[in-house]
Amino acid sequence: MYLSLLIMLIVGVLVGIFGAVLGIGGGMIITPILTLGFGLDIKYAIGASIVAVIATSSGATIAYLKDNVLNLRVAMFLELATSLGAIIGALLTGIINPLFLYLLFGLLLFFSGFNMVRKLWGHSRETGAAHDDRLATALKLDGSYYDKQLQKQIDYHVTNVPGGLSVMFGAGIASGLLGIGSGAFKVIAMDTFMQMPLKPSSSTSNLMMGVTAAASATIYFLNGSILPQIAVPMALGIIVGAAVGSRIMQHLSAKSIRIIFIPILLYLGLQMILKGFGVTI
């Protein structure tokens, strides 16, 4: 019993660190560990992963807000599209063929992974868009942050707001229809489409994940999918890990974060495409 609690606490710390650094939820790590390692029913594993996302967001967002790394206006603006998409996705359950969405978003993840490879080799800017965007300027979405790794203030412009909104709306539909997390899509919307620097993209994604997960956590709690004996120790570990990860991220280079993020994107893309054909890995 105590050994299992200790393992869940350690797993929580690791999930919190990676989640804070990359701006993604811990479902892809927690769910297989709980189902395969502990023999837990998938229903309770998903409930624990929802709590994990909220804990990661809470632990990391505090530090990112304090250091002014995340872009609060972008977060709230994109969250409108995600929430609307999630509602529509829930309403479309049973109408749209999930195969189409799995393939579409799997290909989008592959595209974003290869786009990050291109940026990794220095063929794209790491400091945001080069030019002003009228819509982004009107909405005051541009931002700045102090990069602790580069030891300088970075001012950046946001661009292609409709593209970012479209990705977030689609990710919301996928979340509502397929029951998947959308942390990776949040980073994609900001980094790939809106050309924000990777660090603000990752930290802003952390805040948005918590908002999205909190909306569905009540449902999971009421239907009994969240087991306190599983969720509590894992959440405690995640909060500690997220606080540590948020500090680590600010001292990493954008190149290092991409090196970690690229294989995860490609794995998620492959997983979604295979799921579309009924294969689970």
C-alpha atoms as a PDB file:
ATOM      1  CA  MET A   1       0.000   0.000   0.000  1.00  0.00           C
ATOM      2  CA  TYR A   2       2.688   2.470   1.107  1.00  0.00           C
ATOM      3  CA  LEU A   3       4.932   1.391  -1.773  1.00  0.00           C
ATOM      4  CA  SER A   4       2.147   2.109  -4.280  1.00  0.00           C
ATOM      5  CA  LEU A   5       1.582   5.559  -2.762  1.00  0.00           C
ATOM      6  CA  LEU A   6       5.315   6.289  -2.961  1.00  0.00           C
ATOM      7  CA  ILE A   7       5.455   5.172  -6.599  1.00  0.00           C
ATOM      8  CA  MET A   8       2.459   7.366  -7.488  1.00  0.00           C
ATOM      9  CA  LEU A   9       4.092  10.297  -5.695  1.00  0.00           C
ATOM     10  CA  ILE A  10       7.332   9.814  -7.668  1.00  0.00           C
ATOM     11  CA  VAL A  11       5.447   9.396 -10.940  1.00  0.00           C
ATOM     12  CA  GLY A  12       3.547  12.573 -10.105  1.00  0.00           C
ATOM     13  CA  VAL A  13       6.779  14.539  -9.610  1.00  0.00           C
ATOM     14  CA  LEU A  14       8.140  13.355 -12.993  1.00  0.00           C
ATOM     15  CA  VAL A  15       4.855  14.070 -14.781  1.00  0.00           C
ATOM     16  CA  GLY A  16       4.733  17.535 -13.221  1.00  0.00           C
ATOM     17  CA  ILE A  17       8.264  18.355 -14.392  1.00  0.00           C
ATOM     18  CA  PHE A  18       7.670  17.267 -18.000  1.00  0.00           C
ATOM     19  CA  GLY A  19       4.215  18.825 -18.102  1.00  0.00           C
ATOM     20  CA  ALA A  20       5.494  22.201 -16.898  1.00  0.00           C
ATOM     21  CA  VAL A  21       8.439  22.210 -19.305  1.00  0.00           C
ATOM     22  CA  LEU A  22       6.485  21.142 -22.398  1.00  0.00           C
ATOM     23  CA  GLY A  23       3.043  22.616 -21.691  1.00  0.00           C
ATOM     24  CA  ILE A  24       1.232  19.295 -22.104  1.00  0.00           C
ATOM     25  CA  GLY A  25      -0.965  17.214 -19.805  1.00  0.00           C
ATOM     26  CA  GLY A  26       0.243  14.031 -18.158  1.00  0.00           C
ATOM     27  CA  GLY A  27      -2.475  11.754 -19.494  1.00  0.00           C
ATOM     28  CA  MET A  28      -0.179  10.060 -22.018  1.00  0.00           C
ATOM     29  CA  ILE A  29       2.113   9.052 -19.130  1.00  0.00           C
ATOM     30  CA  ILE A  30      -0.309   8.539 -16.253  1.00  0.00           C
ATOM     31  CA  THR A  31      -3.013   6.551 -18.059  1.00  0.00           C
ATOM     32  CA  PRO A  32      -0.749   3.697 -19.284  1.00  0.00           C
ATOM     33  CA  ILE A  33       1.083   3.529 -15.922  1.00  0.00           C
ATOM     34  CA  LEU A  34      -2.162   3.206 -13.958  1.00  0.00           C
ATOM     35  CA  THR A  35      -3.832   0.797 -16.390  1.00  0.00           C
ATOM     36  CA  LEU A  36      -0.844  -1.420 -17.218  1.00  0.00           C
ATOM     37  CA  GLY A  37       1.301  -1.016 -14.103  1.00  0.00           C
ATOM     38  CA  PHE A  38      -1.407  -0.954 -11.431  1.00  0.00           C
ATOM     39  CA  GLY A  39      -4.212  -2.752 -13.287  1.00  0.00           C
ATOM     40  CA  LEU A  40      -6.559   0.193 -12.738  1.00  0.00           C
ATOM     41  CA  ASP A  41      -9.733   0.493 -14.797  1.00  0.00           C
ATOM     42  CA  ILE A  42      -9.358   2.965 -17.667  1.00  0.00           C
ATOM     43  CA  LYS A  43     -12.275   5.002 -16.272  1.00  0.00           C
ATOM     44  CA  TYR A  44     -10.378   5.763 -13.049  1.00  0.00           C
ATOM     45  CA  ALA A  45      -7.091   6.266 -14.908  1.00  0.00           C
ATOM     46  CA  ILE A  46      -8.687   8.994 -17.030  1.00  0.00           C
ATOM     47  CA  GLY A  47     -10.169  10.575 -13.901  1.00  0.00           C
ATOM     48  CA  ALA A  48      -6.697  10.661 -12.332  1.00  0.00           C
ATOM     49  CA  SER A  49      -5.219  12.171 -15.509  1.00  0.00           C
ATOM     50  CA  ILE A  50      -7.787  15.000 -15.361  1.00  0.00           C
ATOM     51  CA  VAL A  51      -6.668  15.788 -11.816  1.00  0.00           C
ATOM     52  CA  ALA A  52      -3.063  15.566 -13.022  1.00  0.00           C
ATOM     53  CA  VAL A  53      -3.653  18.213 -15.677  1.00  0.00           C
ATOM     54  CA  ILE A  54      -5.199  20.596 -13.133  1.00  0.00           C
ATOM     55  CA  ALA A  55      -2.329  19.987 -10.692  1.00  0.00           C
ATOM     56  CA  THR A  56       0.300  20.567 -13.409  1.00  0.00           C
ATOM     57  CA  SER A  57      -1.416  23.761 -14.479  1.00  0.00           C
ATOM     58  CA  SER A  58      -1.714  25.040 -10.908  1.00  0.00           C
ATOM     59  CA  GLY A  59       1.884  24.265  -9.970  1.00  0.00           C
ATOM     60  CA  ALA A  60       3.432  25.735 -13.105  1.00  0.00           C
ATOM     61  CA  THR A  61       1.136  28.709 -13.743  1.00  0.00           C
ATOM     62  CA  ILE A  62       1.958  30.346 -10.417  1.00  0.00           C
ATOM     63  CA  ALA A  63       5.652  30.502 -11.308  1.00  0.00           C
ATOM     64  CA  TYR A  64       5.017  31.558 -14.913  1.00  0.00           C
ATOM     65  CA  LEU A  65       2.679  34.345 -13.825  1.00  0.00           C
ATOM     66  CA  LYS A  66       5.168  35.556 -11.242  1.00  0.00           C
ATOM     67  CA  ASP A  67       7.960  35.681 -13.836  1.00  0.00           C
ATOM     68  CA  ASN A  68       5.662  37.128 -16.525  1.00  0.00           C
ATOM     69  CA  VAL A  69       6.454  34.381 -19.058  1.00  0.00           C
ATOM     70  CA  LEU A  70       2.949  33.344 -20.075  1.00  0.00           C
ATOM     71  CA  ASN A  71       0.687  35.506 -22.244  1.00  0.00           C
ATOM     72  CA  LEU A  72      -2.568  35.866 -20.313  1.00  0.00           C
ATOM     73  CA  ARG A  73      -4.452  37.675 -23.107  1.00  0.00           C
ATOM     74  CA  VAL A  74      -3.588  34.973 -25.653  1.00  0.00           C
ATOM     75  CA  ALA A  75      -4.603  32.269 -23.157  1.00  0.00           C
ATOM     76  CA  MET A  76      -8.054  33.715 -22.502  1.00  0.00           C
ATOM     77  CA  PHE A  77      -8.634  34.544 -26.174  1.00  0.00           C
ATOM     78  CA  LEU A  78      -7.788  31.043 -27.428  1.00  0.00           C
ATOM     79  CA  GLU A  79      -9.679  29.417 -24.566  1.00  0.00           C
ATOM     80  CA  LEU A  80     -12.906  30.848 -25.993  1.00  0.00           C
ATOM     81  CA  ALA A  81     -12.350  28.852 -29.198  1.00  0.00           C
ATOM     82  CA  THR A  82     -11.398  25.687 -27.287  1.00  0.00           C
ATOM     83  CA  SER A  83     -14.433  25.829 -25.004  1.00  0.00           C
ATOM     84  CA  LEU A  84     -16.820  26.454 -27.900  1.00  0.00           C
ATOM     85  CA  GLY A  85     -15.241  23.605 -29.856  1.00  0.00           C
ATOM     86  CA  ALA A  86     -15.528  21.240 -26.866  1.00  0.00           C
ATOM     87  CA  ILE A  87     -19.248  21.976 -26.511  1.00  0.00           C
ATOM     88  CA  ILE A  88     -19.837  21.402 -30.238  1.00  0.00           C
ATOM     89  CA  GLY A  89     -17.709  18.249 -30.135  1.00  0.00           C
ATOM     90  CA  ALA A  90     -19.817  16.826 -27.307  1.00  0.00           C
ATOM     91  CA  LEU A  91     -22.987  17.586 -29.277  1.00  0.00           C
ATOM     92  CA  LEU A  92     -21.571  15.915 -32.408  1.00  0.00           C
ATOM     93  CA  THR A  93     -20.858  12.620 -30.651  1.00  0.00           C
ATOM     94  CA  GLY A  94     -22.241   9.832 -32.813  1.00  0.00           C
ATOM     95  CA  ILE A  95     -22.636  12.107 -35.854  1.00  0.00           C
ATOM     96  CA  ILE A  96     -19.043  12.640 -37.042  1.00  0.00           C
ATOM     97  CA  ASN A  97     -16.926   9.568 -37.778  1.00  0.00           C
ATOM     98  CA  PRO A  98     -14.062   9.590 -35.204  1.00  0.00           C
ATOM     99  CA  LEU A  99     -11.755   8.055 -37.848  1.00  0.00           C
ATOM    100  CA  PHE A 100     -11.707  11.356 -39.733  1.00  0.00           C
ATOM    101  CA  LEU A 101     -10.692  13.364 -36.668  1.00  0.00           C
ATOM    102  CA  TYR A 102      -8.068  10.880 -35.524  1.00  0.00           C
ATOM    103  CA  LEU A 103      -6.415  10.958 -38.947  1.00  0.00           C
ATOM    104  CA  LEU A 104      -6.716  14.738 -39.291  1.00  0.00           C
ATOM    105  CA  PHE A 105      -5.170  15.520 -35.927  1.00  0.00           C
ATOM    106  CA  GLY A 106      -2.595  12.771 -36.263  1.00  0.00           C
ATOM    107  CA  LEU A 107      -1.379  14.390 -39.482  1.00  0.00           C
ATOM    108  CA  LEU A 108      -1.440  17.825 -37.803  1.00  0.00           C
ATOM    109  CA  LEU A 109       0.812  16.501 -35.039  1.00  0.00           C
ATOM    110  CA  PHE A 110       3.214  15.082 -37.642  1.00  0.00           C
ATOM    111  CA  PHE A 111       3.227  18.395 -39.507  1.00  0.00           C
ATOM    112  CA  SER A 112       3.981  20.303 -36.315  1.00  0.00           C
ATOM    113  CA  GLY A 113       6.710  17.846 -35.356  1.00  0.00           C
ATOM    114  CA  PHE A 114       8.463  18.313 -38.687  1.00  0.00           C
ATOM    115  CA  ASN A 115       7.971  22.077 -38.440  1.00  0.00           C
ATOM    116  CA  MET A 116       9.750  21.968 -35.084  1.00  0.00           C
ATOM    117  CA  VAL A 117      12.571  19.988 -36.707  1.00  0.00           C
ATOM    118  CA  ARG A 118      12.876  22.797 -39.263  1.00  0.00           C
ATOM    119  CA  LYS A 119      13.056  25.366 -36.463  1.00  0.00           C
ATOM    120  CA  LEU A 120      15.558  23.182 -34.647  1.00  0.00           C
ATOM    121  CA  TRP A 121      17.942  23.510 -37.572  1.00  0.00           C
ATOM    122  CA  GLY A 122      17.691  27.273 -37.459  1.00  0.00           C
ATOM    123  CA  HIS A 123      15.466  27.899 -40.484  1.00  0.00           C
ATOM    124  CA  SER A 124      12.896  29.801 -38.479  1.00  0.00           C
ATOM    125  CA  ARG A 125      12.858  32.474 -35.808  1.00  0.00           C
ATOM    126  CA  GLU A 126      12.820  31.568 -32.103  1.00  0.00           C
ATOM    127  CA  THR A 127      11.696  35.039 -31.012  1.00  0.00           C
ATOM    128  CA  GLY A 128       8.229  35.227 -32.538  1.00  0.00           C
ATOM    129  CA  ALA A 129       6.877  36.730 -35.730  1.00  0.00           C
ATOM    130  CA  ALA A 130       9.007  39.315 -37.485  1.00  0.00           C
ATOM    131  CA  HIS A 131       6.204  41.714 -38.343  1.00  0.00           C
ATOM    132  CA  ASP A 132       3.173  43.230 -36.679  1.00  0.00           C
ATOM    133  CA  ASP A 133      -0.227  41.647 -37.244  1.00  0.00           C
ATOM    134  CA  ARG A 134      -3.207  44.026 -37.350  1.00  0.00           C
ATOM    135  CA  LEU A 135      -5.607  41.736 -35.511  1.00  0.00           C
ATOM    136  CA  ALA A 136      -3.058  40.763 -32.869  1.00  0.00           C
ATOM    137  CA  THR A 137      -2.175  44.437 -32.361  1.00  0.00           C
ATOM    138  CA  ALA A 138      -5.848  45.416 -32.059  1.00  0.00           C
ATOM    139  CA  LEU A 139      -6.395  42.676 -29.459  1.00  0.00           C
ATOM    140  CA  LYS A 140      -3.117  43.561 -27.706  1.00  0.00           C
ATOM    141  CA  LEU A 141      -1.817  39.994 -27.951  1.00  0.00           C
ATOM    142  CA  ASP A 142       1.860  40.874 -28.440  1.00  0.00           C
ATOM    143  CA  GLY A 143       4.022  40.310 -25.392  1.00  0.00           C
ATOM    144  CA  SER A 144       7.476  40.210 -23.853  1.00  0.00           C
ATOM    145  CA  TYR A 145       9.330  38.129 -21.287  1.00  0.00           C
ATOM    146  CA  TYR A 146      12.763  37.867 -19.726  1.00  0.00           C
ATOM    147  CA  ASP A 147      14.616  34.793 -21.004  1.00  0.00           C
ATOM    148  CA  LYS A 148      16.746  33.543 -18.130  1.00  0.00           C
ATOM    149  CA  GLN A 149      18.757  31.256 -20.403  1.00  0.00           C
ATOM    150  CA  LEU A 150      19.614  34.065 -22.848  1.00  0.00           C
ATOM    151  CA  GLN A 151      19.663  36.625 -20.020  1.00  0.00           C
ATOM    152  CA  LYS A 152      17.801  39.262 -21.995  1.00  0.00           C
ATOM    153  CA  GLN A 153      14.339  40.721 -22.509  1.00  0.00           C
ATOM    154  CA  ILE A 154      12.539  39.360 -25.587  1.00  0.00           C
ATOM    155  CA  ASP A 155       9.706  41.316 -27.202  1.00  0.00           C
ATOM    156  CA  TYR A 156       7.626  39.295 -29.640  1.00  0.00           C
ATOM    157  CA  HIS A 157       4.742  39.781 -32.060  1.00  0.00           C
ATOM    158  CA  VAL A 158       1.808  37.395 -32.450  1.00  0.00           C
ATOM    159  CA  THR A 159       0.586  36.680 -35.976  1.00  0.00           C
ATOM    160  CA  ASN A 160      -1.963  34.541 -37.857  1.00  0.00           C
ATOM    161  CA  VAL A 161      -4.606  34.823 -35.125  1.00  0.00           C
ATOM    162  CA  PRO A 162      -7.322  33.134 -37.288  1.00  0.00           C
ATOM    163  CA  GLY A 163      -5.012  30.146 -37.822  1.00  0.00           C
ATOM    164  CA  GLY A 164      -4.409  29.768 -34.103  1.00  0.00           C
ATOM    165  CA  LEU A 165      -8.120  30.091 -33.371  1.00  0.00           C
ATOM    166  CA  SER A 166      -8.934  27.447 -35.993  1.00  0.00           C
ATOM    167  CA  VAL A 167      -6.494  24.954 -34.472  1.00  0.00           C
ATOM    168  CA  MET A 168      -7.869  25.589 -30.985  1.00  0.00           C
ATOM    169  CA  PHE A 169     -11.475  25.291 -32.169  1.00  0.00           C
ATOM    170  CA  GLY A 170     -10.655  21.995 -33.878  1.00  0.00           C
ATOM    171  CA  ALA A 171      -8.761  20.762 -30.822  1.00  0.00           C
ATOM    172  CA  GLY A 172     -11.793  21.613 -28.693  1.00  0.00           C
ATOM    173  CA  ILE A 173     -14.037  19.575 -30.997  1.00  0.00           C
ATOM    174  CA  ALA A 174     -11.605  16.650 -30.796  1.00  0.00           C
ATOM    175  CA  SER A 175     -11.490  16.911 -26.998  1.00  0.00           C
ATOM    176  CA  GLY A 176     -15.280  16.901 -26.705  1.00  0.00           C
ATOM    177  CA  LEU A 177     -15.816  14.193 -29.304  1.00  0.00           C
ATOM    178  CA  LEU A 178     -12.888  11.866 -28.644  1.00  0.00           C
ATOM    179  CA  GLY A 179     -12.151  12.582 -24.988  1.00  0.00           C
ATOM    180  CA  ILE A 180      -8.484  13.450 -25.635  1.00  0.00           C
ATOM    181  CA  GLY A 181      -6.297  16.090 -24.048  1.00  0.00           C
ATOM    182  CA  SER A 182      -5.295  19.065 -26.171  1.00  0.00           C
ATOM    183  CA  GLY A 183      -2.119  20.319 -24.499  1.00  0.00           C
ATOM    184  CA  ALA A 184       0.015  19.518 -27.536  1.00  0.00           C
ATOM    185  CA  PHE A 185      -2.458  21.300 -29.828  1.00  0.00           C
ATOM    186  CA  LYS A 186      -2.329  24.409 -27.648  1.00  0.00           C
ATOM    187  CA  VAL A 187       1.435  24.576 -28.069  1.00  0.00           C
ATOM    188  CA  ILE A 188       1.044  23.928 -31.810  1.00  0.00           C
ATOM    189  CA  ALA A 189      -1.482  26.749 -32.191  1.00  0.00           C
ATOM    190  CA  MET A 190       0.853  29.269 -30.591  1.00  0.00           C
ATOM    191  CA  ASP A 191       4.281  28.048 -31.707  1.00  0.00           C
ATOM    192  CA  THR A 192       3.544  26.840 -35.240  1.00  0.00           C
ATOM    193  CA  PHE A 193       0.604  28.971 -36.372  1.00  0.00           C
ATOM    194  CA  MET A 194       0.822  32.163 -34.304  1.00  0.00           C
ATOM    195  CA  GLN A 195       4.651  32.153 -34.321  1.00  0.00           C
ATOM    196  CA  MET A 196       5.034  32.869 -30.624  1.00  0.00           C
ATOM    197  CA  PRO A 197       8.352  31.896 -28.997  1.00  0.00           C
ATOM    198  CA  LEU A 198       8.317  28.376 -27.551  1.00  0.00           C
ATOM    199  CA  LYS A 199       8.675  29.365 -23.885  1.00  0.00           C
ATOM    200  CA  PRO A 200       5.594  31.647 -23.781  1.00  0.00           C
ATOM    201  CA  SER A 201       3.754  29.020 -25.868  1.00  0.00           C
ATOM    202  CA  SER A 202       4.535  26.266 -23.360  1.00  0.00           C
ATOM    203  CA  SER A 203       3.793  28.355 -20.264  1.00  0.00           C
ATOM    204  CA  THR A 204       0.560  29.754 -21.739  1.00  0.00           C
ATOM    205  CA  SER A 205      -0.524  26.211 -22.627  1.00  0.00           C
ATOM    206  CA  ASN A 206      -0.098  25.223 -18.973  1.00  0.00           C
ATOM    207  CA  LEU A 207      -2.627  27.839 -17.882  1.00  0.00           C
ATOM    208  CA  MET A 208      -5.099  26.910 -20.623  1.00  0.00           C
ATOM    209  CA  MET A 209      -4.920  23.191 -19.825  1.00  0.00           C
ATOM    210  CA  GLY A 210      -6.058  23.841 -16.267  1.00  0.00           C
ATOM    211  CA  VAL A 211      -9.023  25.918 -17.410  1.00  0.00           C
ATOM    212  CA  THR A 212     -10.122  23.232 -19.884  1.00  0.00           C
ATOM    213  CA  ALA A 213      -9.640  20.345 -17.441  1.00  0.00           C
ATOM    214  CA  ALA A 214     -11.446  22.112 -14.596  1.00  0.00           C
ATOM    215  CA  ALA A 215     -14.573  22.305 -16.745  1.00  0.00           C
ATOM    216  CA  SER A 216     -14.720  18.519 -17.140  1.00  0.00           C
ATOM    217  CA  ALA A 217     -13.372  17.560 -13.687  1.00  0.00           C
ATOM    218  CA  THR A 218     -16.762  18.141 -12.043  1.00  0.00           C
ATOM    219  CA  ILE A 219     -18.385  15.585 -14.346  1.00  0.00           C
ATOM    220  CA  TYR A 220     -15.696  12.992 -13.609  1.00  0.00           C
ATOM    221  CA  PHE A 221     -16.035  13.652  -9.867  1.00  0.00           C
ATOM    222  CA  LEU A 222     -19.816  13.303  -9.861  1.00  0.00           C
ATOM    223  CA  ASN A 223     -19.774  10.021 -11.803  1.00  0.00           C
ATOM    224  CA  GLY A 224     -17.218   8.538  -9.392  1.00  0.00           C
ATOM    225  CA  SER A 225     -14.269   8.356 -11.791  1.00  0.00           C
ATOM    226  CA  ILE A 226     -11.864  10.194  -9.465  1.00  0.00           C
ATOM    227  CA  LEU A 227     -10.486   7.980  -6.679  1.00  0.00           C
ATOM    228  CA  PRO A 228      -8.951  10.098  -3.879  1.00  0.00           C
ATOM    229  CA  GLN A 229      -6.454   7.376  -2.898  1.00  0.00           C
ATOM    230  CA  ILE A 230      -5.031   7.537  -6.427  1.00  0.00           C
ATOM    231  CA  ALA A 231      -5.516  11.183  -7.342  1.00  0.00           C
ATOM    232  CA  VAL A 232      -4.337  12.829  -4.100  1.00  0.00           C
ATOM    233  CA  PRO A 233      -0.764  11.429  -3.838  1.00  0.00           C
ATOM    234  CA  MET A 234      -0.259  11.850  -7.569  1.00  0.00           C
ATOM    235  CA  ALA A 235      -1.538  15.430  -7.478  1.00  0.00           C
ATOM    236  CA  LEU A 236       0.779  16.281  -4.565  1.00  0.00           C
ATOM    237  CA  GLY A 237       3.753  14.934  -6.505  1.00  0.00           C
ATOM    238  CA  ILE A 238       2.694  16.769  -9.645  1.00  0.00           C
ATOM    239  CA  ILE A 239       2.388  20.129  -7.878  1.00  0.00           C
ATOM    240  CA  VAL A 240       5.948  19.751  -6.576  1.00  0.00           C
ATOM    241  CA  GLY A 241       7.206  18.540  -9.968  1.00  0.00           C
ATOM    242  CA  ALA A 242       5.439  21.336 -11.833  1.00  0.00           C
ATOM    243  CA  ALA A 243       7.001  23.967  -9.558  1.00  0.00           C
ATOM    244  CA  VAL A 244      10.427  22.449 -10.258  1.00  0.00           C
ATOM    245  CA  GLY A 245       9.726  22.048 -13.983  1.00  0.00           C
ATOM    246  CA  SER A 246       8.661  25.668 -14.358  1.00  0.00           C
ATOM    247  CA  ARG A 247      12.055  26.724 -13.016  1.00  0.00           C
ATOM    248  CA  ILE A 248      13.941  24.253 -15.192  1.00  0.00           C
ATOM    249  CA  MET A 249      12.106  25.375 -18.348  1.00  0.00           C
ATOM    250  CA  GLN A 250      13.182  28.982 -17.952  1.00  0.00           C
ATOM    251  CA  HIS A 251      16.856  27.967 -17.910  1.00  0.00           C
ATOM    252  CA  LEU A 252      16.588  25.654 -20.931  1.00  0.00           C
ATOM    253  CA  SER A 253      17.176  26.852 -24.459  1.00  0.00           C
ATOM    254  CA  ALA A 254      14.300  26.714 -26.941  1.00  0.00           C
ATOM    255  CA  LYS A 255      16.378  24.189 -28.900  1.00  0.00           C
ATOM    256  CA  SER A 256      16.566  21.838 -25.892  1.00  0.00           C
ATOM    257  CA  ILE A 257      12.801  22.036 -25.337  1.00  0.00           C
ATOM    258  CA  ARG A 258      12.186  21.237 -29.010  1.00  0.00           C
ATOM    259  CA  ILE A 259      14.511  18.219 -28.834  1.00  0.00           C
ATOM    260  CA  ILE A 260      12.341  16.856 -25.993  1.00  0.00           C
ATOM    261  CA  PHE A 261       9.051  17.882 -27.601  1.00  0.00           C
ATOM    262  CA  ILE A 262       9.569  16.565 -31.161  1.00  0.00           C
ATOM    263  CA  PRO A 263       9.556  12.801 -30.376  1.00  0.00           C
ATOM    264  CA  ILE A 264       6.494  13.293 -28.151  1.00  0.00           C
ATOM    265  CA  LEU A 265       4.616  15.031 -30.983  1.00  0.00           C
ATOM    266  CA  LEU A 266       5.547  12.293 -33.459  1.00  0.00           C
ATOM    267  CA  TYR A 267       4.534   9.586 -30.978  1.00  0.00           C
ATOM    268  CA  LEU A 268       1.182  11.252 -30.308  1.00  0.00           C
ATOM    269  CA  GLY A 269       0.621  11.650 -34.059  1.00  0.00           C
ATOM    270  CA  LEU A 270       1.326   7.971 -34.689  1.00  0.00           C
ATOM    271  CA  GLN A 271      -0.880   7.001 -31.732  1.00  0.00           C
ATOM    272  CA  MET A 272      -3.832   9.019 -33.066  1.00  0.00           C
ATOM    273  CA  ILE A 273      -3.544   7.647 -36.599  1.00  0.00           C
ATOM    274  CA  LEU A 274      -3.401   4.063 -35.312  1.00  0.00           C
ATOM    275  CA  LYS A 275      -6.341   4.721 -32.976  1.00  0.00           C
ATOM    276  CA  GLY A 276      -8.307   5.866 -36.000  1.00  0.00           C
ATOM    277  CA  PHE A 277      -7.852   2.344 -37.389  1.00  0.00           C
ATOM    278  CA  GLY A 278      -8.677   0.698 -34.061  1.00  0.00           C
ATOM    279  CA  VAL A 279      -5.080  -0.023 -32.988  1.00  0.00           C
ATOM    280  CA  THR A 280      -3.971   1.104 -29.515  1.00  0.00           C
ATOM    281  CA  ILE A 281      -0.318   1.467 -28.499  1.00  0.00           C
END
